[in-house]
C-alpha cells in the first residue's frame, strides 16, 4: 500500500468489529491505503477515513447510541448514494437539498454510525 498526499482533517472512527467495518467503506468507494490490524486507513473520493478497533476507554462505541459521525464532502454525492441505496436512512436521510445549503444523503454505517455525504447546493450542476 502506498502513502497518499491528501491534505485535510479526517475522522478516526472506532468500530466494535473492525474487520466487518472495512467492507462498508469499500462499498462507499474507499480502499485500504495502510494501517495495521487494529488501525486501518481508507482512502476514497479525495479524502481519508481512519478506522480503529473499539475497546474499553474513550474508543468504546455504546450499543444504545453511537455518538460518532462522518461527513464526506464531495461533488460525487449521487454516485456514492447509488452504491449504497439500501443503506440510506429513510425517510429523513434521502438525497435532497437541505435547508442548511447542502445537497446530501444520510447513510447508516457500522455500529449505528451516521455517514453523511454532501456537497454545497450552490455548486451542484443542474
Protein backbone atom coordinates (compact mmCIF):
# COMPACT_ATOMS: atom_id res chain seq x y z
CA UNK A 1 0.00 0.00 0.00
CA UNK A 2 1.24 3.45 -0.81
CA UNK A 3 1.10 6.73 1.07
CA UNK A 4 -1.23 9.44 -0.17
CA UNK A 5 -0.63 13.19 -0.44
CA UNK A 6 -4.13 14.06 0.75
CA UNK A 7 -4.27 17.19 2.91
CA UNK A 8 -7.01 17.87 5.43
CA UNK A 9 -8.58 16.78 8.70
CA UNK A 10 -10.02 13.28 8.76
CA UNK A 11 -12.14 11.33 11.20
CA UNK A 12 -10.84 8.48 13.34
CA UNK A 13 -13.84 6.15 13.55
CA UNK A 14 -13.99 3.46 16.23
CA UNK A 15 -15.69 0.19 15.36
CA UNK A 16 -16.78 -2.65 17.62
CA UNK A 17 -15.93 -5.10 14.82
CA UNK A 18 -13.18 -3.55 12.70
CA UNK A 19 -12.84 -6.38 10.13
CA UNK A 20 -16.56 -6.14 9.36
CA UNK A 21 -16.46 -2.33 9.06
CA UNK A 22 -13.98 -2.41 6.16
CA UNK A 23 -16.48 -3.85 3.59
CA UNK A 24 -18.88 -0.98 4.38
CA UNK A 25 -16.24 1.61 3.50
CA UNK A 26 -15.30 -0.37 0.39
CA UNK A 27 -18.96 -0.24 -0.73
CA UNK A 28 -18.78 3.53 -0.40
CA UNK A 29 -15.80 3.51 -2.78
CA UNK A 30 -12.88 3.59 -0.33
CA UNK A 31 -9.81 1.36 -0.50
CA UNK A 32 -7.34 0.38 2.17
CA UNK A 33 -4.24 2.56 1.98
CA UNK A 34 -2.37 1.47 5.09
CA UNK A 35 -2.53 0.80 8.77
CA UNK A 36 -2.30 -2.29 10.95
CA UNK A 37 -4.61 -4.98 12.34
CA UNK A 38 -6.36 -2.56 14.70
CA UNK A 39 -5.95 0.76 12.83
CA UNK A 40 -6.90 0.94 9.15
CA UNK A 41 -6.51 3.92 6.80
CA UNK A 42 -9.08 4.03 4.00
CA UNK A 43 -8.95 6.50 1.09
CA UNK A 44 -11.53 7.48 -1.48
CA UNK A 45 -13.32 10.43 -3.05
CA UNK A 46 -10.36 12.69 -2.29
CA UNK A 47 -10.33 12.05 1.45
CA UNK A 48 -9.33 9.59 4.16
CA UNK A 49 -11.13 7.80 6.96
CA UNK A 50 -9.13 6.17 9.74
CA UNK A 51 -10.76 3.16 11.39
CA UNK A 52 -9.76 1.90 14.83
CA UNK A 53 -10.83 -1.18 16.78
CA UNK A 54 -13.04 -0.03 19.64
CA UNK A 55 -12.35 -1.23 23.13
CA UNK A 56 -12.53 -0.08 26.72
CA UNK A 57 -12.00 3.59 27.38
CA UNK A 58 -12.57 6.55 25.05
CA UNK A 59 -12.88 4.47 21.85
CA UNK A 60 -15.79 2.33 23.10
CA UNK A 61 -18.90 2.52 20.89
CA UNK A 62 -22.02 2.30 23.09
CA UNK A 63 -24.59 -0.26 21.96
CA UNK A 64 -27.57 2.04 22.51
CA UNK A 65 -26.32 5.19 20.76
CA UNK A 66 -23.30 5.83 18.56
CA UNK A 67 -22.07 9.38 19.26
CA UNK A 68 -19.79 9.39 16.20
CA UNK A 69 -20.49 10.61 12.68
CA UNK A 70 -18.61 11.29 9.47
CA UNK A 71 -19.32 13.86 6.76
CA UNK A 72 -17.84 13.18 3.33
CA UNK A 73 -17.73 16.41 1.31
CA UNK A 74 -17.57 15.57 -2.38
CA UNK A 75 -19.31 16.54 -5.62
CA UNK A 76 -19.85 12.79 -6.23
CA UNK A 77 -22.86 12.58 -3.89
CA UNK A 78 -25.14 10.88 -6.45
CA UNK A 79 -22.53 8.27 -7.38
CA UNK A 80 -21.89 7.28 -3.77
CA UNK A 81 -25.60 7.21 -2.89
CA UNK A 82 -26.25 4.87 -5.82
CA UNK A 83 -23.64 2.44 -4.45
CA UNK A 84 -25.41 2.11 -1.09
CA UNK A 85 -29.08 2.79 -1.80
CA UNK A 86 -30.13 0.05 0.64
CA UNK A 87 -28.27 1.81 3.48
CA UNK A 88 -29.89 5.24 3.04
CA UNK A 89 -31.63 6.34 6.22
CA UNK A 90 -35.31 6.70 5.40
CA UNK A 91 -37.34 8.77 5.45
CA UNK A 92 -35.14 11.60 6.73
CA UNK A 93 -31.80 10.81 5.10
CA UNK A 94 -32.86 10.63 1.46
CA UNK A 95 -30.83 12.51 -1.13
CA UNK A 96 -32.02 16.10 -1.38
CA UNK A 97 -31.11 19.76 -0.96
CA UNK A 98 -31.21 20.63 2.74
CA UNK A 99 -32.25 23.90 4.30
CA UNK A 100 -28.67 24.44 5.50
CA UNK A 101 -27.45 24.66 1.90
CA UNK A 102 -26.11 21.15 1.31
CA UNK A 103 -27.15 18.54 -1.25
CA UNK A 104 -26.72 15.41 0.84
CA UNK A 105 -27.76 11.93 1.88
CA UNK A 106 -27.63 10.09 5.22
CA UNK A 107 -26.22 6.56 5.34
CA UNK A 108 -26.43 4.01 8.17
CA UNK A 109 -22.91 2.76 8.85
CA UNK A 110 -21.40 0.08 11.09
CA UNK A 111 -22.31 0.24 14.80
CA UNK A 112 -25.03 2.82 14.04
CA UNK A 113 -22.50 5.33 12.66
CA UNK A 114 -24.12 8.24 10.80
CA UNK A 115 -22.35 8.89 7.50
CA UNK A 116 -23.48 11.95 5.56
CA UNK A 117 -22.31 12.58 2.04
CA UNK A 118 -22.82 16.03 0.63
CA UNK A 119 -21.81 18.99 -1.49
CA UNK A 120 -22.91 22.66 -1.29
CA UNK A 121 -26.23 23.09 -3.11
CA UNK A 122 -24.92 26.24 -4.81
CA UNK A 123 -22.18 24.17 -6.51
CA UNK A 124 -24.44 21.34 -7.75
CA UNK A 125 -24.75 21.35 -11.53
CA UNK A 126 -28.41 21.34 -12.70
